[in-house]
């Protein structure tokens, strides 16, 4: 139901994070990926951009993400889910606790932000920002993810703007 779309996004990569080519990093279908060097599981931030031609509420879209992820995890719990943003650009954030098939415990924070499309709310674009790390690393690195999310913006006629452009 969701299609990949190109959107001129601006954002700042947090200090200590290394951007990677998504395809080369084994994360096809996302527009951006960055990793942070840590022993064990490598913490990562991904940014996906999808056009949603349907009027699905963000809670449903977040549920779809949980369902997809649940197929690959040995354990998956939704710890919290909250609406964010405002009526013109609604968003949703959820925190998941997971265990991989190899027994690695992970925490994942997912943020879904709506960018209204040119044809109204049905042609909207949904940004999916995801941060995944082991629990101790998540405690240290969550402020970096929050800064990343806060800095994501759509560029409008500003080719010389700051940050990365997708």
Protein backbone atom coordinates (compact mmCIF):
# COMPACT_ATOMS: atom_id res chain seq x y z
CA UNK A 1 0.00 0.00 0.00
CA UNK A 2 2.90 2.34 0.57
CA UNK A 3 5.23 3.41 -2.18
CA UNK A 4 8.72 4.87 -1.94
CA UNK A 5 8.90 8.54 -2.90
CA UNK A 6 11.67 11.10 -3.34
CA UNK A 7 11.52 14.13 -1.08
CA UNK A 8 14.11 16.91 -0.56
CA UNK A 9 14.85 16.43 3.13
CA UNK A 10 17.33 18.29 5.26
CA UNK A 11 18.76 17.00 8.55
CA UNK A 12 21.93 16.92 10.58
CA UNK A 13 23.77 13.67 11.25
CA UNK A 14 24.53 13.50 14.99
CA UNK A 15 28.19 13.70 16.00
CA UNK A 16 29.76 10.23 16.24
CA UNK A 17 27.33 8.69 13.73
CA UNK A 18 28.52 7.49 10.32
CA UNK A 19 26.17 7.65 7.31
CA UNK A 20 26.20 4.55 5.09
CA UNK A 21 24.78 3.72 1.69
CA UNK A 22 21.47 2.01 2.60
CA UNK A 23 21.74 -0.64 -0.13
CA UNK A 24 25.35 -1.43 0.79
CA UNK A 25 24.40 -1.59 4.48
CA UNK A 26 21.74 -4.22 3.77
CA UNK A 27 18.85 -1.84 4.44
CA UNK A 28 17.09 -1.52 1.09
CA UNK A 29 14.00 0.64 0.93
CA UNK A 30 15.23 3.35 3.27
CA UNK A 31 16.51 6.75 2.21
CA UNK A 32 19.14 7.16 4.93
CA UNK A 33 21.03 5.03 7.43
CA UNK A 34 23.68 5.95 9.99
CA UNK A 35 25.51 3.75 12.49
CA UNK A 36 27.32 4.41 15.76
CA UNK A 37 30.39 2.31 16.62
CA UNK A 38 29.70 0.09 19.64
CA UNK A 39 30.83 -3.40 20.66
CA UNK A 40 28.20 -6.03 19.92
CA UNK A 41 25.10 -4.84 18.09
CA UNK A 42 25.72 -1.68 16.04
CA UNK A 43 23.21 1.06 16.93
CA UNK A 44 21.56 2.50 13.85
CA UNK A 45 19.24 5.25 12.70
CA UNK A 46 17.21 4.83 9.53
CA UNK A 47 14.91 7.18 7.67
CA UNK A 48 12.27 5.86 5.32
CA UNK A 49 10.08 8.02 3.07
CA UNK A 50 6.81 6.53 1.88
CA UNK A 51 3.80 7.88 0.05
CA UNK A 52 0.53 6.69 1.54
CA UNK A 53 -2.31 6.86 -0.99
CA UNK A 54 -4.74 5.57 1.66
CA UNK A 55 -6.18 7.43 4.66
CA UNK A 56 -4.77 4.93 7.19
CA UNK A 57 -4.31 6.53 10.61
CA UNK A 58 -0.76 6.66 11.95
CA UNK A 59 -1.65 4.12 14.67
CA UNK A 60 -2.50 1.65 11.88
CA UNK A 61 0.75 2.43 10.04
CA UNK A 62 2.68 1.93 13.29
CA UNK A 63 0.85 -1.36 13.81
CA UNK A 64 1.90 -2.48 10.32
CA UNK A 65 5.53 -1.75 11.26
CA UNK A 66 5.19 -3.82 14.44
CA UNK A 67 3.63 -6.67 12.47
CA UNK A 68 6.45 -6.67 9.89
CA UNK A 69 9.12 -6.57 12.58
CA UNK A 70 7.35 -9.22 14.64
CA UNK A 71 7.86 -11.73 11.84
CA UNK A 72 11.63 -11.52 12.28
CA UNK A 73 11.98 -11.25 16.08
CA UNK A 74 11.84 -13.95 18.75
CA UNK A 75 10.13 -11.47 21.11
CA UNK A 76 8.47 -8.12 20.47
CA UNK A 77 6.59 -5.88 22.91
CA UNK A 78 5.19 -2.40 22.31
CA UNK A 79 6.35 -0.53 25.42
CA UNK A 80 4.68 2.79 24.59
CA UNK A 81 2.86 4.61 21.80
CA UNK A 82 2.05 8.35 21.76
CA UNK A 83 0.65 10.87 19.30
CA UNK A 84 2.93 13.82 18.55
CA UNK A 85 2.76 16.85 16.27
CA UNK A 86 -0.36 18.81 15.42
CA UNK A 87 -3.42 18.30 13.17
CA UNK A 88 -1.68 19.77 10.09
CA UNK A 89 1.34 17.46 10.46
CA UNK A 90 0.43 14.65 12.85
CA UNK A 91 2.96 12.16 14.10
CA UNK A 92 3.26 9.12 16.30
CA UNK A 93 6.10 7.63 18.30
CA UNK A 94 6.39 4.13 19.69
CA UNK A 95 9.04 2.29 21.65
CA UNK A 96 9.53 -1.45 21.15
CA UNK A 97 11.41 -4.01 23.19
CA UNK A 98 12.69 -6.89 21.06
CA UNK A 99 14.80 -10.02 21.19
CA UNK A 100 16.47 -11.37 18.07
CA UNK A 101 16.57 -15.06 17.21
CA UNK A 102 20.17 -15.06 18.46
CA UNK A 103 19.04 -13.77 21.86
CA UNK A 104 20.16 -10.12 21.57
CA UNK A 105 17.88 -7.75 23.45
CA UNK A 106 17.17 -4.50 21.58
CA UNK A 107 15.20 -1.32 22.05
CA UNK A 108 13.71 0.37 18.99
CA UNK A 109 12.15 3.81 18.86
CA UNK A 110 9.99 4.50 15.81
CA UNK A 111 8.75 7.96 14.89
CA UNK A 112 6.16 8.40 12.13
CA UNK A 113 5.76 11.95 10.81
CA UNK A 114 3.24 13.07 8.21
CA UNK A 115 4.19 15.46 5.43
CA UNK A 116 0.98 16.57 3.68
CA UNK A 117 1.04 15.91 -0.07
CA UNK A 118 0.20 18.29 -2.87
CA UNK A 119 -3.18 16.63 -3.40
CA UNK A 120 -4.35 16.81 0.21
CA UNK A 121 -4.13 14.38 3.10
CA UNK A 122 -4.77 11.25 1.00
CA UNK A 123 -1.57 11.86 -0.99
CA UNK A 124 0.45 12.40 2.17
CA UNK A 125 4.01 11.33 2.69
CA UNK A 126 4.97 9.50 5.87
CA UNK A 127 8.50 9.67 7.23
CA UNK A 128 9.53 6.67 9.31
CA UNK A 129 12.50 7.45 11.56
CA UNK A 130 13.86 4.47 13.48
CA UNK A 131 16.56 4.10 16.13
CA UNK A 132 17.67 0.61 17.18
CA UNK A 133 20.23 -0.27 19.86
CA UNK A 134 20.91 -2.58 22.77
CA UNK A 135 19.28 -1.24 25.98
CA UNK A 136 22.41 0.32 27.53
CA UNK A 137 23.46 1.97 24.26
CA UNK A 138 19.88 3.17 23.74
CA UNK A 139 20.00 5.03 27.07
CA UNK A 140 23.17 6.87 26.01
CA UNK A 141 22.25 7.50 22.37
CA UNK A 142 18.53 8.38 22.56
CA UNK A 143 19.35 12.12 22.89
CA UNK A 144 21.20 11.88 19.53
CA UNK A 145 18.12 10.33 17.93
CA UNK A 146 15.86 13.01 19.41
CA UNK A 147 18.11 15.74 17.94
CA UNK A 148 18.07 13.94 14.58
CA UNK A 149 14.26 13.75 14.57
CA UNK A 150 13.91 17.39 15.65
CA UNK A 151 16.14 18.52 12.78
CA UNK A 152 14.41 16.67 9.92
CA UNK A 153 12.69 19.11 7.59
CA UNK A 154 11.47 19.37 4.02
CA UNK A 155 13.55 21.77 1.99
CA UNK A 156 11.62 24.31 0.04
CA UNK A 157 13.59 26.10 -2.69
CA UNK A 158 16.75 26.00 -0.54
CA UNK A 159 19.40 24.02 -2.44
CA UNK A 160 22.15 25.54 -0.27
CA UNK A 161 20.52 24.50 3.04
CA UNK A 162 22.27 22.77 5.90
CA UNK A 163 22.47 19.02 6.50
CA UNK A 164 22.02 16.10 4.15
CA UNK A 165 19.63 16.17 1.21
CA UNK A 166 17.75 13.13 -0.05
